[in-house]
């Protein structure tokens, strides 16, 4: 009899914990990942229309959940208590929601893994899921530890199909560094790469990004897919970061570092 009482009490406790989770909605594809990873499924009242897209890291978890536009009408109709956003909506929408008593939590532009840790912990705290946040952080740190120094400082240039690279003060630079690669792009931020320069003065190595994505004509036919570059890519590419890993300032960027490290010569 006592065992039945304890089991019933445990079930009620779990139900109470689920009911205590705030109703949450995310406004863009990046914030979708945080909500899907940190919130109980029953507390999610809305995801962005791109939650199941190919470049959504946790797209499988999004199946069956409501997808809503980032408008005041759509958000307020879902009655969230907390809204998570990275780039979705705009500041005016955030102000409207906050005036209506909705807490808006912003994912910051992280250019390194300490910044990602801060984002995870901020969202986890807002959703009452600090322990889940720490588990995600621990998994990220394990990936970084596994990747550490694998390439021994070899220089590599990051390249996307649209012909852009990522230099200093970007999360991509931190991903390369975590795997023991030195970013060949020395200017800060994202910038276009000269097709002629790539051919005339090839980099020591290439790390591809977004080459699995076919969402736009620019991605399909951009400089990075030019036939002149194909032999160079075939010869110099040492790894490829999928759009689902490289597209957001999330903990899964560390998975990309681990993948690059696993391709390093032993």
C-alpha atoms as a PDB file:
ATOM      1  CA  UNK A   1       0.000   0.000   0.000  1.00  0.00           C
ATOM      2  CA  UNK A   2       2.789   2.367   0.939  1.00  0.00           C
ATOM      3  CA  UNK A   3       4.509   1.674  -2.403  1.00  0.00           C
ATOM      4  CA  UNK A   4       1.325   2.626  -4.295  1.00  0.00           C
ATOM      5  CA  UNK A   5       1.098   5.870  -2.334  1.00  0.00           C
ATOM      6  CA  UNK A   6       4.725   6.731  -3.128  1.00  0.00           C
ATOM      7  CA  UNK A   7       4.236   6.011  -6.831  1.00  0.00           C
ATOM      8  CA  UNK A   8       1.103   8.159  -6.941  1.00  0.00           C
ATOM      9  CA  UNK A   9       2.903  10.965  -5.139  1.00  0.00           C
ATOM     10  CA  UNK A  10       5.800  10.795  -7.601  1.00  0.00           C
ATOM     11  CA  UNK A  11       3.406  10.926 -10.550  1.00  0.00           C
ATOM     12  CA  UNK A  12       1.641  13.958  -9.097  1.00  0.00           C
ATOM     13  CA  UNK A  13       4.991  15.604  -8.495  1.00  0.00           C
ATOM     14  CA  UNK A  14       6.034  15.079 -12.122  1.00  0.00           C
ATOM     15  CA  UNK A  15       2.694  16.363 -13.391  1.00  0.00           C
ATOM     16  CA  UNK A  16       3.042  19.417 -11.182  1.00  0.00           C
ATOM     17  CA  UNK A  17       6.528  20.095 -12.550  1.00  0.00           C
ATOM     18  CA  UNK A  18       5.239  19.873 -16.138  1.00  0.00           C
ATOM     19  CA  UNK A  19       2.320  22.152 -15.335  1.00  0.00           C
ATOM     20  CA  UNK A  20       4.706  24.645 -13.746  1.00  0.00           C
ATOM     21  CA  UNK A  21       6.690  25.046 -16.981  1.00  0.00           C
ATOM     22  CA  UNK A  22       5.855  28.398 -18.590  1.00  0.00           C
ATOM     23  CA  UNK A  23       3.986  28.466 -21.884  1.00  0.00           C
ATOM     24  CA  UNK A  24       6.712  29.320 -24.377  1.00  0.00           C
ATOM     25  CA  UNK A  25       6.956  30.368 -28.012  1.00  0.00           C
ATOM     26  CA  UNK A  26       9.995  30.928 -30.243  1.00  0.00           C
ATOM     27  CA  UNK A  27      10.115  33.509 -33.023  1.00  0.00           C
ATOM     28  CA  UNK A  28      12.818  32.211 -35.366  1.00  0.00           C
ATOM     29  CA  UNK A  29      14.690  29.105 -36.364  1.00  0.00           C
ATOM     30  CA  UNK A  30      17.574  29.639 -33.940  1.00  0.00           C
ATOM     31  CA  UNK A  31      15.362  30.223 -30.929  1.00  0.00           C
ATOM     32  CA  UNK A  32      13.397  27.115 -31.980  1.00  0.00           C
ATOM     33  CA  UNK A  33      16.447  25.010 -31.127  1.00  0.00           C
ATOM     34  CA  UNK A  34      16.683  26.432 -27.619  1.00  0.00           C
ATOM     35  CA  UNK A  35      12.981  25.931 -26.947  1.00  0.00           C
ATOM     36  CA  UNK A  36      12.942  22.395 -28.356  1.00  0.00           C
ATOM     37  CA  UNK A  37      15.972  21.449 -26.271  1.00  0.00           C
ATOM     38  CA  UNK A  38      14.950  23.081 -22.999  1.00  0.00           C
ATOM     39  CA  UNK A  39      11.168  23.205 -22.700  1.00  0.00           C
ATOM     40  CA  UNK A  40       8.761  20.325 -22.003  1.00  0.00           C
ATOM     41  CA  UNK A  41       6.896  19.577 -25.212  1.00  0.00           C
ATOM     42  CA  UNK A  42       3.499  20.279 -23.655  1.00  0.00           C
ATOM     43  CA  UNK A  43       4.591  23.802 -22.711  1.00  0.00           C
ATOM     44  CA  UNK A  44       5.545  24.800 -26.284  1.00  0.00           C
ATOM     45  CA  UNK A  45       2.697  26.846 -27.787  1.00  0.00           C
ATOM     46  CA  UNK A  46       4.489  27.954 -30.937  1.00  0.00           C
ATOM     47  CA  UNK A  47       7.603  27.546 -33.082  1.00  0.00           C
ATOM     48  CA  UNK A  48       8.713  29.449 -36.147  1.00  0.00           C
ATOM     49  CA  UNK A  49       7.542  28.387 -39.641  1.00  0.00           C
ATOM     50  CA  UNK A  50      11.088  27.077 -40.265  1.00  0.00           C
ATOM     51  CA  UNK A  51      11.186  24.727 -37.273  1.00  0.00           C
ATOM     52  CA  UNK A  52      11.088  21.631 -39.514  1.00  0.00           C
ATOM     53  CA  UNK A  53      13.370  22.996 -42.241  1.00  0.00           C
ATOM     54  CA  UNK A  54      16.416  21.038 -43.355  1.00  0.00           C
ATOM     55  CA  UNK A  55      18.756  23.454 -41.605  1.00  0.00           C
ATOM     56  CA  UNK A  56      16.941  23.185 -38.253  1.00  0.00           C
ATOM     57  CA  UNK A  57      19.142  21.156 -35.886  1.00  0.00           C
ATOM     58  CA  UNK A  58      16.254  19.688 -33.840  1.00  0.00           C
ATOM     59  CA  UNK A  59      13.749  19.502 -36.700  1.00  0.00           C
ATOM     60  CA  UNK A  60      12.660  15.968 -35.753  1.00  0.00           C
ATOM     61  CA  UNK A  61      11.470  17.206 -32.352  1.00  0.00           C
ATOM     62  CA  UNK A  62       9.424  19.953 -34.008  1.00  0.00           C
ATOM     63  CA  UNK A  63       7.105  17.550 -35.850  1.00  0.00           C
ATOM     64  CA  UNK A  64       3.530  17.951 -34.611  1.00  0.00           C
ATOM     65  CA  UNK A  65       4.095  21.198 -32.735  1.00  0.00           C
ATOM     66  CA  UNK A  66       2.308  24.406 -33.829  1.00  0.00           C
ATOM     67  CA  UNK A  67       4.205  26.786 -36.101  1.00  0.00           C
ATOM     68  CA  UNK A  68       3.282  30.473 -36.004  1.00  0.00           C
ATOM     69  CA  UNK A  69       4.342  33.719 -37.629  1.00  0.00           C
ATOM     70  CA  UNK A  70       6.321  36.308 -35.663  1.00  0.00           C
ATOM     71  CA  UNK A  71       3.503  38.861 -35.541  1.00  0.00           C
ATOM     72  CA  UNK A  72       1.816  40.432 -32.532  1.00  0.00           C
ATOM     73  CA  UNK A  73      -1.515  38.843 -33.476  1.00  0.00           C
ATOM     74  CA  UNK A  74      -0.111  35.332 -33.865  1.00  0.00           C
ATOM     75  CA  UNK A  75       1.994  35.490 -30.724  1.00  0.00           C
ATOM     76  CA  UNK A  76      -0.684  36.937 -28.466  1.00  0.00           C
ATOM     77  CA  UNK A  77      -3.247  34.437 -29.768  1.00  0.00           C
ATOM     78  CA  UNK A  78      -0.982  31.606 -28.534  1.00  0.00           C
ATOM     79  CA  UNK A  79      -0.917  33.167 -25.018  1.00  0.00           C
ATOM     80  CA  UNK A  80       2.749  32.483 -24.194  1.00  0.00           C
ATOM     81  CA  UNK A  81       4.217  33.499 -20.878  1.00  0.00           C
ATOM     82  CA  UNK A  82       7.759  33.527 -22.307  1.00  0.00           C
ATOM     83  CA  UNK A  83       8.920  34.308 -25.842  1.00  0.00           C
ATOM     84  CA  UNK A  84      12.423  33.404 -27.042  1.00  0.00           C
ATOM     85  CA  UNK A  85      13.929  35.307 -29.962  1.00  0.00           C
ATOM     86  CA  UNK A  86      17.222  35.702 -31.784  1.00  0.00           C
ATOM     87  CA  UNK A  87      16.434  37.574 -34.997  1.00  0.00           C
ATOM     88  CA  UNK A  88      12.692  36.847 -35.300  1.00  0.00           C
ATOM     89  CA  UNK A  89      10.199  39.670 -35.106  1.00  0.00           C
ATOM     90  CA  UNK A  90      11.643  43.079 -34.288  1.00  0.00           C
ATOM     91  CA  UNK A  91      12.179  45.334 -31.297  1.00  0.00           C
ATOM     92  CA  UNK A  92       8.733  46.871 -31.690  1.00  0.00           C
ATOM     93  CA  UNK A  93       7.134  43.421 -31.395  1.00  0.00           C
ATOM     94  CA  UNK A  94       9.222  42.702 -28.310  1.00  0.00           C
ATOM     95  CA  UNK A  95       8.018  45.946 -26.732  1.00  0.00           C
ATOM     96  CA  UNK A  96       4.371  45.145 -27.523  1.00  0.00           C
ATOM     97  CA  UNK A  97       4.724  41.712 -25.919  1.00  0.00           C
ATOM     98  CA  UNK A  98       6.457  43.043 -22.833  1.00  0.00           C
ATOM     99  CA  UNK A  99       3.717  45.640 -22.351  1.00  0.00           C
ATOM    100  CA  UNK A 100       1.220  42.750 -22.399  1.00  0.00           C
ATOM    101  CA  UNK A 101       3.140  40.979 -19.638  1.00  0.00           C
ATOM    102  CA  UNK A 102       4.995  38.482 -21.834  1.00  0.00           C
ATOM    103  CA  UNK A 103       8.610  37.952 -20.890  1.00  0.00           C
ATOM    104  CA  UNK A 104      10.893  38.267 -23.937  1.00  0.00           C
ATOM    105  CA  UNK A 105      14.255  36.493 -23.668  1.00  0.00           C
ATOM    106  CA  UNK A 106      16.880  37.347 -26.272  1.00  0.00           C
ATOM    107  CA  UNK A 107      19.551  35.001 -27.597  1.00  0.00           C
ATOM    108  CA  UNK A 108      22.673  37.112 -28.020  1.00  0.00           C
ATOM    109  CA  UNK A 109      25.073  37.002 -30.948  1.00  0.00           C
ATOM    110  CA  UNK A 110      27.709  34.614 -29.584  1.00  0.00           C
ATOM    111  CA  UNK A 111      31.122  34.721 -31.235  1.00  0.00           C
ATOM    112  CA  UNK A 112      32.672  32.143 -28.901  1.00  0.00           C
ATOM    113  CA  UNK A 113      31.652  29.218 -26.739  1.00  0.00           C
ATOM    114  CA  UNK A 114      31.501  31.195 -23.482  1.00  0.00           C
ATOM    115  CA  UNK A 115      28.857  33.310 -25.218  1.00  0.00           C
ATOM    116  CA  UNK A 116      26.946  30.156 -26.176  1.00  0.00           C
ATOM    117  CA  UNK A 117      27.095  28.958 -22.555  1.00  0.00           C
ATOM    118  CA  UNK A 118      25.598  32.275 -21.462  1.00  0.00           C
ATOM    119  CA  UNK A 119      22.769  31.905 -23.990  1.00  0.00           C
ATOM    120  CA  UNK A 120      21.941  28.359 -22.887  1.00  0.00           C
ATOM    121  CA  UNK A 121      21.920  29.304 -19.230  1.00  0.00           C
ATOM    122  CA  UNK A 122      19.840  32.446 -19.825  1.00  0.00           C
ATOM    123  CA  UNK A 123      17.123  30.570 -21.709  1.00  0.00           C
ATOM    124  CA  UNK A 124      17.229  27.613 -19.315  1.00  0.00           C
ATOM    125  CA  UNK A 125      16.738  29.925 -16.335  1.00  0.00           C
ATOM    126  CA  UNK A 126      13.793  31.675 -18.015  1.00  0.00           C
ATOM    127  CA  UNK A 127      12.126  28.314 -18.650  1.00  0.00           C
ATOM    128  CA  UNK A 128      12.821  26.944 -15.179  1.00  0.00           C
ATOM    129  CA  UNK A 129      15.100  24.267 -16.650  1.00  0.00           C
ATOM    130  CA  UNK A 130      18.510  25.081 -15.182  1.00  0.00           C
ATOM    131  CA  UNK A 131      19.495  21.418 -14.821  1.00  0.00           C
ATOM    132  CA  UNK A 132      18.640  20.720 -18.451  1.00  0.00           C
ATOM    133  CA  UNK A 133      20.713  23.751 -19.409  1.00  0.00           C
ATOM    134  CA  UNK A 134      23.694  22.439 -17.477  1.00  0.00           C
ATOM    135  CA  UNK A 135      23.389  19.067 -19.196  1.00  0.00           C
ATOM    136  CA  UNK A 136      23.525  20.810 -22.570  1.00  0.00           C
ATOM    137  CA  UNK A 137      26.541  22.847 -21.486  1.00  0.00           C
ATOM    138  CA  UNK A 138      28.255  19.694 -20.233  1.00  0.00           C
ATOM    139  CA  UNK A 139      27.633  17.956 -23.563  1.00  0.00           C
ATOM    140  CA  UNK A 140      29.022  20.957 -25.439  1.00  0.00           C
ATOM    141  CA  UNK A 141      32.126  21.008 -23.252  1.00  0.00           C
ATOM    142  CA  UNK A 142      32.631  17.281 -23.819  1.00  0.00           C
ATOM    143  CA  UNK A 143      32.574  17.851 -27.589  1.00  0.00           C
ATOM    144  CA  UNK A 144      35.093  20.690 -27.232  1.00  0.00           C
ATOM    145  CA  UNK A 145      37.369  18.542 -25.095  1.00  0.00           C
ATOM    146  CA  UNK A 146      37.212  15.739 -27.658  1.00  0.00           C
ATOM    147  CA  UNK A 147      38.092  18.171 -30.467  1.00  0.00           C
ATOM    148  CA  UNK A 148      40.865  20.035 -28.679  1.00  0.00           C
ATOM    149  CA  UNK A 149      43.989  20.614 -30.791  1.00  0.00           C
ATOM    150  CA  UNK A 150      43.261  17.817 -33.279  1.00  0.00           C
ATOM    151  CA  UNK A 151      44.641  19.612 -36.330  1.00  0.00           C
ATOM    152  CA  UNK A 152      47.711  21.045 -34.588  1.00  0.00           C
ATOM    153  CA  UNK A 153      47.326  24.619 -35.810  1.00  0.00           C
ATOM    154  CA  UNK A 154      46.895  23.920 -39.527  1.00  0.00           C
ATOM    155  CA  UNK A 155      45.551  26.906 -41.491  1.00  0.00           C
ATOM    156  CA  UNK A 156      42.109  26.525 -43.084  1.00  0.00           C
ATOM    157  CA  UNK A 157      39.701  28.799 -44.929  1.00  0.00           C
ATOM    158  CA  UNK A 158      35.963  28.521 -44.268  1.00  0.00           C
ATOM    159  CA  UNK A 159      33.880  28.729 -47.466  1.00  0.00           C
ATOM    160  CA  UNK A 160      30.137  28.785 -48.159  1.00  0.00           C
ATOM    161  CA  UNK A 161      28.404  28.154 -51.511  1.00  0.00           C
ATOM    162  CA  UNK A 162      27.592  31.866 -51.704  1.00  0.00           C
ATOM    163  CA  UNK A 163      31.320  32.617 -51.691  1.00  0.00           C
ATOM    164  CA  UNK A 164      31.624  33.985 -48.159  1.00  0.00           C
ATOM    165  CA  UNK A 165      34.097  33.209 -45.421  1.00  0.00           C
ATOM    166  CA  UNK A 166      34.179  33.910 -41.682  1.00  0.00           C
ATOM    167  CA  UNK A 167      37.077  35.670 -40.012  1.00  0.00           C
ATOM    168  CA  UNK A 168      37.945  36.960 -36.587  1.00  0.00           C
ATOM    169  CA  UNK A 169      35.278  37.460 -33.923  1.00  0.00           C
ATOM    170  CA  UNK A 170      32.882  34.899 -35.381  1.00  0.00           C
ATOM    171  CA  UNK A 171      31.633  31.628 -33.938  1.00  0.00           C
ATOM    172  CA  UNK A 172      33.013  29.857 -37.012  1.00  0.00           C
ATOM    173  CA  UNK A 173      36.510  31.021 -36.046  1.00  0.00           C
ATOM    174  CA  UNK A 174      35.910  29.554 -32.587  1.00  0.00           C
ATOM    175  CA  UNK A 175      34.729  26.254 -34.114  1.00  0.00           C
ATOM    176  CA  UNK A 176      37.909  26.041 -36.207  1.00  0.00           C
ATOM    177  CA  UNK A 177      40.084  26.933 -33.218  1.00  0.00           C
ATOM    178  CA  UNK A 178      38.366  24.303 -31.070  1.00  0.00           C
ATOM    179  CA  UNK A 179      39.441  21.655 -33.580  1.00  0.00           C
ATOM    180  CA  UNK A 180      43.016  22.962 -33.681  1.00  0.00           C
ATOM    181  CA  UNK A 181      42.638  24.888 -36.950  1.00  0.00           C
ATOM    182  CA  UNK A 182      43.864  28.426 -37.576  1.00  0.00           C
ATOM    183  CA  UNK A 183      41.398  30.604 -39.491  1.00  0.00           C
ATOM    184  CA  UNK A 184      42.981  31.764 -42.746  1.00  0.00           C
ATOM    185  CA  UNK A 185      40.586  34.727 -42.932  1.00  0.00           C
ATOM    186  CA  UNK A 186      42.212  37.465 -40.882  1.00  0.00           C
ATOM    187  CA  UNK A 187      39.634  40.251 -41.181  1.00  0.00           C
ATOM    188  CA  UNK A 188      36.794  40.365 -38.648  1.00  0.00           C
ATOM    189  CA  UNK A 189      33.282  39.175 -39.451  1.00  0.00           C
ATOM    190  CA  UNK A 190      31.910  37.653 -42.645  1.00  0.00           C
ATOM    191  CA  UNK A 191      33.195  38.731 -46.046  1.00  0.00           C
ATOM    192  CA  UNK A 192      33.145  37.581 -49.680  1.00  0.00           C
ATOM    193  CA  UNK A 193      36.050  35.558 -51.035  1.00  0.00           C
ATOM    194  CA  UNK A 194      37.591  36.377 -54.407  1.00  0.00           C
ATOM    195  CA  UNK A 195      37.151  33.471 -56.818  1.00  0.00           C
ATOM    196  CA  UNK A 196      40.299  34.514 -58.650  1.00  0.00           C
ATOM    197  CA  UNK A 197      42.318  34.674 -55.422  1.00  0.00           C
ATOM    198  CA  UNK A 198      41.163  31.191 -54.428  1.00  0.00           C
ATOM    199  CA  UNK A 199      42.299  29.745 -57.748  1.00  0.00           C
ATOM    200  CA  UNK A 200      45.561  31.708 -58.037  1.00  0.00           C
ATOM    201  CA  UNK A 201      46.575  31.346 -54.371  1.00  0.00           C
ATOM    202  CA  UNK A 202      44.813  28.298 -52.926  1.00  0.00           C
ATOM    203  CA  UNK A 203      44.452  28.007 -49.150  1.00  0.00           C
ATOM    204  CA  UNK A 204      46.227  25.295 -47.214  1.00  0.00           C
ATOM    205  CA  UNK A 205      42.869  23.656 -46.493  1.00  0.00           C
ATOM    206  CA  UNK A 206      39.136  24.344 -46.826  1.00  0.00           C
ATOM    207  CA  UNK A 207      36.311  23.845 -44.358  1.00  0.00           C
ATOM    208  CA  UNK A 208      32.973  23.961 -46.157  1.00  0.00           C
ATOM    209  CA  UNK A 209      29.820  25.375 -44.633  1.00  0.00           C
ATOM    210  CA  UNK A 210      26.177  25.140 -45.785  1.00  0.00           C
ATOM    211  CA  UNK A 211      27.069  22.987 -48.790  1.00  0.00           C
ATOM    212  CA  UNK A 212      24.238  20.649 -47.812  1.00  0.00           C
ATOM    213  CA  UNK A 213      21.650  23.435 -48.184  1.00  0.00           C
ATOM    214  CA  UNK A 214      19.716  24.141 -51.376  1.00  0.00           C
ATOM    215  CA  UNK A 215      17.252  26.741 -50.148  1.00  0.00           C
ATOM    216  CA  UNK A 216      18.004  29.557 -52.593  1.00  0.00           C
ATOM    217  CA  UNK A 217      19.288  30.101 -56.098  1.00  0.00           C
ATOM    218  CA  UNK A 218      22.310  31.884 -54.621  1.00  0.00           C
ATOM    219  CA  UNK A 219      23.201  28.758 -52.651  1.00  0.00           C
ATOM    220  CA  UNK A 220      22.680  26.524 -55.689  1.00  0.00           C
ATOM    221  CA  UNK A 221      24.603  28.682 -58.127  1.00  0.00           C
ATOM    222  CA  UNK A 222      26.888  30.861 -55.971  1.00  0.00           C
ATOM    223  CA  UNK A 223      30.647  31.272 -56.427  1.00  0.00           C
ATOM    224  CA  UNK A 224      31.360  28.408 -54.055  1.00  0.00           C
ATOM    225  CA  UNK A 225      29.763  26.008 -56.555  1.00  0.00           C
ATOM    226  CA  UNK A 226      31.574  27.405 -59.592  1.00  0.00           C
ATOM    227  CA  UNK A 227      33.010  24.631 -61.755  1.00  0.00           C
ATOM    228  CA  UNK A 228      36.465  26.255 -61.605  1.00  0.00           C
ATOM    229  CA  UNK A 229      36.518  25.695 -57.836  1.00  0.00           C
ATOM    230  CA  UNK A 230      35.393  22.079 -57.839  1.00  0.00           C
ATOM    231  CA  UNK A 231      38.882  20.541 -58.277  1.00  0.00           C
ATOM    232  CA  UNK A 232      40.201  22.819 -55.523  1.00  0.00           C
ATOM    233  CA  UNK A 233      37.364  21.863 -53.170  1.00  0.00           C
ATOM    234  CA  UNK A 234      37.902  18.191 -53.921  1.00  0.00           C
ATOM    235  CA  UNK A 235      41.620  18.514 -53.150  1.00  0.00           C
ATOM    236  CA  UNK A 236      41.581  20.913 -50.192  1.00  0.00           C
ATOM    237  CA  UNK A 237      38.357  20.289 -48.252  1.00  0.00           C
ATOM    238  CA  UNK A 238      39.074  18.631 -44.897  1.00  0.00           C
ATOM    239  CA  UNK A 239      35.548  18.859 -43.509  1.00  0.00           C
ATOM    240  CA  UNK A 240      32.070  20.248 -43.994  1.00  0.00           C
ATOM    241  CA  UNK A 241      29.760  21.911 -41.477  1.00  0.00           C
ATOM    242  CA  UNK A 242      26.072  21.335 -42.174  1.00  0.00           C
ATOM    243  CA  UNK A 243      23.665  24.263 -42.262  1.00  0.00           C
ATOM    244  CA  UNK A 244      21.954  22.920 -39.151  1.00  0.00           C
ATOM    245  CA  UNK A 245      25.228  23.180 -37.204  1.00  0.00           C
ATOM    246  CA  UNK A 246      26.709  26.361 -38.667  1.00  0.00           C
ATOM    247  CA  UNK A 247      23.572  28.496 -38.897  1.00  0.00           C
ATOM    248  CA  UNK A 248      22.955  29.507 -35.267  1.00  0.00           C
ATOM    249  CA  UNK A 249      24.897  30.514 -32.147  1.00  0.00           C
ATOM    250  CA  UNK A 250      24.024  27.252 -30.421  1.00  0.00           C
ATOM    251  CA  UNK A 251      25.756  24.554 -28.400  1.00  0.00           C
ATOM    252  CA  UNK A 252      25.661  22.242 -31.424  1.00  0.00           C
ATOM    253  CA  UNK A 253      28.472  24.278 -33.002  1.00  0.00           C
ATOM    254  CA  UNK A 254      30.742  22.232 -30.716  1.00  0.00           C
ATOM    255  CA  UNK A 255      29.499  19.119 -32.508  1.00  0.00           C
ATOM    256  CA  UNK A 256      30.879  20.692 -35.679  1.00  0.00           C
ATOM    257  CA  UNK A 257      34.273  21.139 -34.008  1.00  0.00           C
ATOM    258  CA  UNK A 258      34.240  17.486 -32.946  1.00  0.00           C
ATOM    259  CA  UNK A 259      33.354  16.390 -36.481  1.00  0.00           C
ATOM    260  CA  UNK A 260      36.268  18.394 -37.897  1.00  0.00           C
ATOM    261  CA  UNK A 261      38.584  16.911 -35.281  1.00  0.00           C
ATOM    262  CA  UNK A 262      37.503  13.378 -36.143  1.00  0.00           C
ATOM    263  CA  UNK A 263      38.689  14.007 -39.736  1.00  0.00           C
ATOM    264  CA  UNK A 264      42.198  14.958 -38.581  1.00  0.00           C
ATOM    265  CA  UNK A 265      45.028  12.545 -39.465  1.00  0.00           C
ATOM    266  CA  UNK A 266      46.035  10.291 -36.587  1.00  0.00           C
END
